Amino acid sequence: MAAINAIEARDQLGDILNRVAYGKERITIGKRGKAMAVLVPLEDLEALQKLEDKIDLREAHAALAEIKRGEYHILAEVEAELNIDKD
């Protein structure tokens, strides 16, 4: 995966977009030597979103199955388990 700094990205945005969109490259953009973001082709993003949707659906089905089996969870218990602060 190619890596460029933010200044180069700003100065070469048109060329970088072409590389990503038509060349199907993934390009990391960094600042002060640290990776900050990645430009990816739309097809990659769509594939990632579909994968996330499948995972969410699988988890929803699992939760529904738990409810049907009578395995209810009290919200306060889930929040405590996940260390979620309600405030």
N, C-alpha and C. Protein backbone atom coordinates (compact mmCIF):
# COMPACT_ATOMS: atom_id res chain seq x y z
N MET A 1 0.85 -1.17 0.00
CA MET A 1 0.00 0.00 0.00
C MET A 1 0.90 1.23 0.00
N ALA A 2 0.59 2.13 -0.90
CA ALA A 2 1.36 3.37 -0.99
C ALA A 2 1.06 4.27 0.20
N ALA A 3 2.04 5.05 0.59
CA ALA A 3 1.86 5.99 1.71
C ALA A 3 2.40 7.35 1.29
N ILE A 4 1.62 8.39 1.60
CA ILE A 4 2.05 9.76 1.32
C ILE A 4 1.70 10.63 2.52
N ASN A 5 2.35 11.79 2.57
CA ASN A 5 2.03 12.70 3.67
C ASN A 5 0.90 13.64 3.25
N ALA A 6 0.32 14.32 4.22
CA ALA A 6 -0.84 15.16 3.98
C ALA A 6 -0.56 16.29 3.00
N ILE A 7 0.64 16.84 3.03
CA ILE A 7 0.99 17.93 2.10
C ILE A 7 0.98 17.41 0.67
N GLU A 8 1.60 16.25 0.45
CA GLU A 8 1.58 15.64 -0.89
C GLU A 8 0.15 15.34 -1.33
N ALA A 9 -0.66 14.84 -0.40
CA ALA A 9 -2.04 14.51 -0.72
C ALA A 9 -2.79 15.76 -1.18
N ARG A 10 -2.58 16.85 -0.46
CA ARG A 10 -3.23 18.11 -0.82
C ARG A 10 -2.79 18.57 -2.22
N ASP A 11 -1.48 18.50 -2.45
CA ASP A 11 -0.94 19.01 -3.71
C ASP A 11 -1.24 18.10 -4.90
N GLN A 12 -1.48 16.83 -4.64
CA GLN A 12 -1.67 15.86 -5.73
C GLN A 12 -3.03 15.17 -5.68
N LEU A 13 -4.01 15.82 -5.08
CA LEU A 13 -5.29 15.16 -4.83
C LEU A 13 -5.91 14.55 -6.09
N GLY A 14 -5.93 15.28 -7.18
CA GLY A 14 -6.52 14.76 -8.42
C GLY A 14 -5.86 13.48 -8.87
N ASP A 15 -4.54 13.46 -8.88
CA ASP A 15 -3.80 12.27 -9.30
C ASP A 15 -4.04 11.11 -8.33
N ILE A 16 -4.07 11.42 -7.05
CA ILE A 16 -4.28 10.38 -6.04
C ILE A 16 -5.68 9.76 -6.19
N LEU A 17 -6.68 10.60 -6.40
CA LEU A 17 -8.03 10.08 -6.61
C LEU A 17 -8.10 9.17 -7.82
N ASN A 18 -7.40 9.54 -8.89
CA ASN A 18 -7.37 8.69 -10.07
C ASN A 18 -6.71 7.35 -9.78
N ARG A 19 -5.62 7.38 -9.04
CA ARG A 19 -4.92 6.13 -8.68
C ARG A 19 -5.85 5.21 -7.88
N VAL A 20 -6.61 5.81 -6.96
CA VAL A 20 -7.51 5.02 -6.12
C VAL A 20 -8.71 4.54 -6.93
N ALA A 21 -9.37 5.44 -7.64
CA ALA A 21 -10.60 5.11 -8.35
C ALA A 21 -10.37 4.19 -9.54
N TYR A 22 -9.35 4.48 -10.34
CA TYR A 22 -9.14 3.72 -11.57
C TYR A 22 -8.05 2.67 -11.46
N GLY A 23 -7.05 2.94 -10.64
CA GLY A 23 -5.96 1.98 -10.46
C GLY A 23 -6.21 1.02 -9.33
N LYS A 24 -7.30 1.23 -8.59
CA LYS A 24 -7.69 0.36 -7.46
C LYS A 24 -6.61 0.29 -6.39
N GLU A 25 -5.84 1.37 -6.23
CA GLU A 25 -4.82 1.43 -5.18
C GLU A 25 -5.46 1.82 -3.85
N ARG A 26 -4.83 1.40 -2.80
CA ARG A 26 -5.16 1.88 -1.45
C ARG A 26 -3.98 2.77 -1.02
N ILE A 27 -4.29 3.97 -0.59
CA ILE A 27 -3.23 4.92 -0.28
C ILE A 27 -3.41 5.44 1.14
N THR A 28 -2.37 5.27 1.94
CA THR A 28 -2.38 5.76 3.31
C THR A 28 -1.89 7.21 3.32
N ILE A 29 -2.61 8.06 4.04
CA ILE A 29 -2.21 9.45 4.17
C ILE A 29 -1.78 9.66 5.62
N GLY A 30 -0.59 10.23 5.77
CA GLY A 30 -0.06 10.42 7.11
C GLY A 30 0.27 11.87 7.40
N LYS A 31 0.52 12.09 8.68
CA LYS A 31 0.88 13.43 9.14
C LYS A 31 1.97 13.24 10.19
N ARG A 32 3.08 13.92 10.00
CA ARG A 32 4.23 13.82 10.90
C ARG A 32 4.68 12.37 11.10
N GLY A 33 4.64 11.60 10.01
CA GLY A 33 5.11 10.22 10.05
C GLY A 33 4.12 9.21 10.61
N LYS A 34 2.93 9.67 10.94
CA LYS A 34 1.92 8.77 11.51
C LYS A 34 0.75 8.62 10.54
N ALA A 35 0.36 7.38 10.24
CA ALA A 35 -0.78 7.14 9.37
C ALA A 35 -2.05 7.70 10.01
N MET A 36 -2.82 8.45 9.22
CA MET A 36 -4.02 9.10 9.74
C MET A 36 -5.30 8.60 9.07
N ALA A 37 -5.21 8.24 7.79
CA ALA A 37 -6.39 7.82 7.03
C ALA A 37 -5.94 7.01 5.83
N VAL A 38 -6.90 6.35 5.21
CA VAL A 38 -6.61 5.58 4.01
C VAL A 38 -7.68 5.88 2.97
N LEU A 39 -7.24 6.14 1.75
CA LEU A 39 -8.16 6.26 0.63
C LEU A 39 -8.26 4.89 -0.03
N VAL A 40 -9.48 4.43 -0.22
CA VAL A 40 -9.70 3.11 -0.83
C VAL A 40 -10.73 3.25 -1.94
N PRO A 41 -10.68 2.35 -2.92
CA PRO A 41 -11.70 2.38 -3.97
C PRO A 41 -13.09 2.13 -3.36
N LEU A 42 -14.10 2.67 -4.01
CA LEU A 42 -15.47 2.49 -3.51
C LEU A 42 -15.83 1.01 -3.38
N GLU A 43 -15.33 0.18 -4.28
CA GLU A 43 -15.62 -1.24 -4.22
C GLU A 43 -15.13 -1.86 -2.90
N ASP A 44 -13.99 -1.41 -2.41
CA ASP A 44 -13.46 -1.89 -1.14
C ASP A 44 -14.37 -1.47 0.02
N LEU A 45 -14.81 -0.21 -0.01
CA LEU A 45 -15.70 0.28 1.03
C LEU A 45 -17.01 -0.49 1.02
N GLU A 46 -17.58 -0.71 -0.16
CA GLU A 46 -18.84 -1.45 -0.26
C GLU A 46 -18.69 -2.87 0.26
N ALA A 47 -17.57 -3.51 -0.04
CA ALA A 47 -17.33 -4.87 0.45
C ALA A 47 -17.21 -4.88 1.97
N LEU A 48 -16.53 -3.89 2.53
CA LEU A 48 -16.40 -3.78 3.98
C LEU A 48 -17.77 -3.58 4.63
N GLN A 49 -18.58 -2.71 4.04
CA GLN A 49 -19.92 -2.45 4.59
C GLN A 49 -20.79 -3.71 4.55
N LYS A 50 -20.70 -4.47 3.46
CA LYS A 50 -21.47 -5.73 3.37
C LYS A 50 -21.02 -6.71 4.45
N LEU A 51 -19.72 -6.78 4.66
CA LEU A 51 -19.19 -7.67 5.70
C LEU A 51 -19.69 -7.25 7.07
N GLU A 52 -19.64 -5.95 7.35
CA GLU A 52 -20.14 -5.45 8.63
C GLU A 52 -21.63 -5.75 8.79
N ASP A 53 -22.40 -5.59 7.72
CA ASP A 53 -23.83 -5.89 7.77
C ASP A 53 -24.08 -7.37 8.07
N LYS A 54 -23.29 -8.26 7.48
CA LYS A 54 -23.43 -9.69 7.74
C LYS A 54 -23.13 -10.00 9.20
N ILE A 55 -22.09 -9.38 9.73
CA ILE A 55 -21.73 -9.59 11.13
C ILE A 55 -22.85 -9.10 12.04
N ASP A 56 -23.37 -7.89 11.75
CA ASP A 56 -24.46 -7.34 12.55
C ASP A 56 -25.69 -8.24 12.50
N LEU A 57 -26.01 -8.76 11.33
CA LEU A 57 -27.17 -9.63 11.17
C LEU A 57 -26.98 -10.93 11.95
N ARG A 58 -25.78 -11.49 11.88
CA ARG A 58 -25.48 -12.72 12.62
C ARG A 58 -25.63 -12.49 14.13
N GLU A 59 -25.14 -11.35 14.60
CA GLU A 59 -25.25 -11.03 16.03
C GLU A 59 -26.71 -10.79 16.43
N ALA A 60 -27.49 -10.17 15.55
CA ALA A 60 -28.90 -9.94 15.84
C ALA A 60 -29.65 -11.27 15.92
N HIS A 61 -29.35 -12.18 15.01
CA HIS A 61 -29.99 -13.50 15.05
C HIS A 61 -29.61 -14.25 16.33
N ALA A 62 -28.36 -14.14 16.73
CA ALA A 62 -27.92 -14.80 17.96
C ALA A 62 -28.64 -14.21 19.18
N ALA A 63 -28.79 -12.90 19.20
CA ALA A 63 -29.50 -12.26 20.32
C ALA A 63 -30.96 -12.68 20.34
N LEU A 64 -31.59 -12.75 19.18
CA LEU A 64 -32.99 -13.18 19.11
C LEU A 64 -33.13 -14.63 19.57
N ALA A 65 -32.19 -15.47 19.19
CA ALA A 65 -32.23 -16.86 19.62
C ALA A 65 -32.11 -16.96 21.14
N GLU A 66 -31.27 -16.12 21.74
CA GLU A 66 -31.14 -16.11 23.21
C GLU A 66 -32.47 -15.74 23.86
N ILE A 67 -33.13 -14.74 23.29
CA ILE A 67 -34.41 -14.31 23.84
C ILE A 67 -35.43 -15.43 23.73
N LYS A 68 -35.47 -16.10 22.59
CA LYS A 68 -36.42 -17.20 22.39
C LYS A 68 -36.16 -18.36 23.35
N ARG A 69 -34.89 -18.52 23.74
CA ARG A 69 -34.55 -19.59 24.70
C ARG A 69 -34.77 -19.12 26.14
N GLY A 70 -35.22 -17.90 26.31
CA GLY A 70 -35.47 -17.38 27.64
C GLY A 70 -34.24 -16.85 28.32
N GLU A 71 -33.17 -16.59 27.56
CA GLU A 71 -31.93 -16.07 28.12
C GLU A 71 -31.94 -14.54 28.05
N TYR A 72 -32.79 -13.95 28.89
CA TYR A 72 -32.91 -12.50 28.90
C TYR A 72 -31.73 -11.88 29.64
N HIS A 73 -31.37 -10.70 29.22
CA HIS A 73 -30.29 -9.96 29.88
C HIS A 73 -30.84 -8.63 30.38
N ILE A 74 -30.54 -8.32 31.58
CA ILE A 74 -30.95 -7.05 32.15
C ILE A 74 -29.95 -6.00 31.67
N LEU A 75 -30.48 -4.86 31.21
CA LEU A 75 -29.64 -3.81 30.64
C LEU A 75 -28.52 -3.40 31.59
N ALA A 76 -28.80 -3.26 32.84
CA ALA A 76 -27.77 -2.85 33.81
C ALA A 76 -26.64 -3.88 33.86
N GLU A 77 -26.97 -5.16 33.73
CA GLU A 77 -25.93 -6.20 33.75
C GLU A 77 -25.05 -6.10 32.50
N VAL A 78 -25.68 -5.87 31.37
CA VAL A 78 -24.92 -5.74 30.12
C VAL A 78 -24.01 -4.51 30.19
N GLU A 79 -24.55 -3.40 30.68
CA GLU A 79 -23.74 -2.19 30.80
C GLU A 79 -22.55 -2.41 31.73
N ALA A 80 -22.78 -3.12 32.83
CA ALA A 80 -21.69 -3.39 33.77
C ALA A 80 -20.65 -4.30 33.13
N GLU A 81 -21.12 -5.32 32.42
CA GLU A 81 -20.21 -6.27 31.76
C GLU A 81 -19.34 -5.58 30.72
N LEU A 82 -19.95 -4.63 29.99
CA LEU A 82 -19.23 -3.92 28.95
C LEU A 82 -18.54 -2.65 29.46
N ASN A 83 -18.68 -2.41 30.78
CA ASN A 83 -18.07 -1.25 31.39
C ASN A 83 -18.55 0.06 30.75
N ILE A 84 -19.88 0.16 30.58
CA ILE A 84 -20.49 1.33 29.97
C ILE A 84 -21.01 2.24 31.08
N ASP A 85 -20.61 3.49 31.01
CA ASP A 85 -21.08 4.49 31.97
C ASP A 85 -22.33 5.14 31.39
N LYS A 86 -23.44 5.06 32.10
CA LYS A 86 -24.72 5.59 31.61
C LYS A 86 -24.77 7.11 31.58
N ASP A 87 -23.91 7.77 32.30
CA ASP A 87 -23.97 9.24 32.38
C ASP A 87 -23.39 9.90 31.18
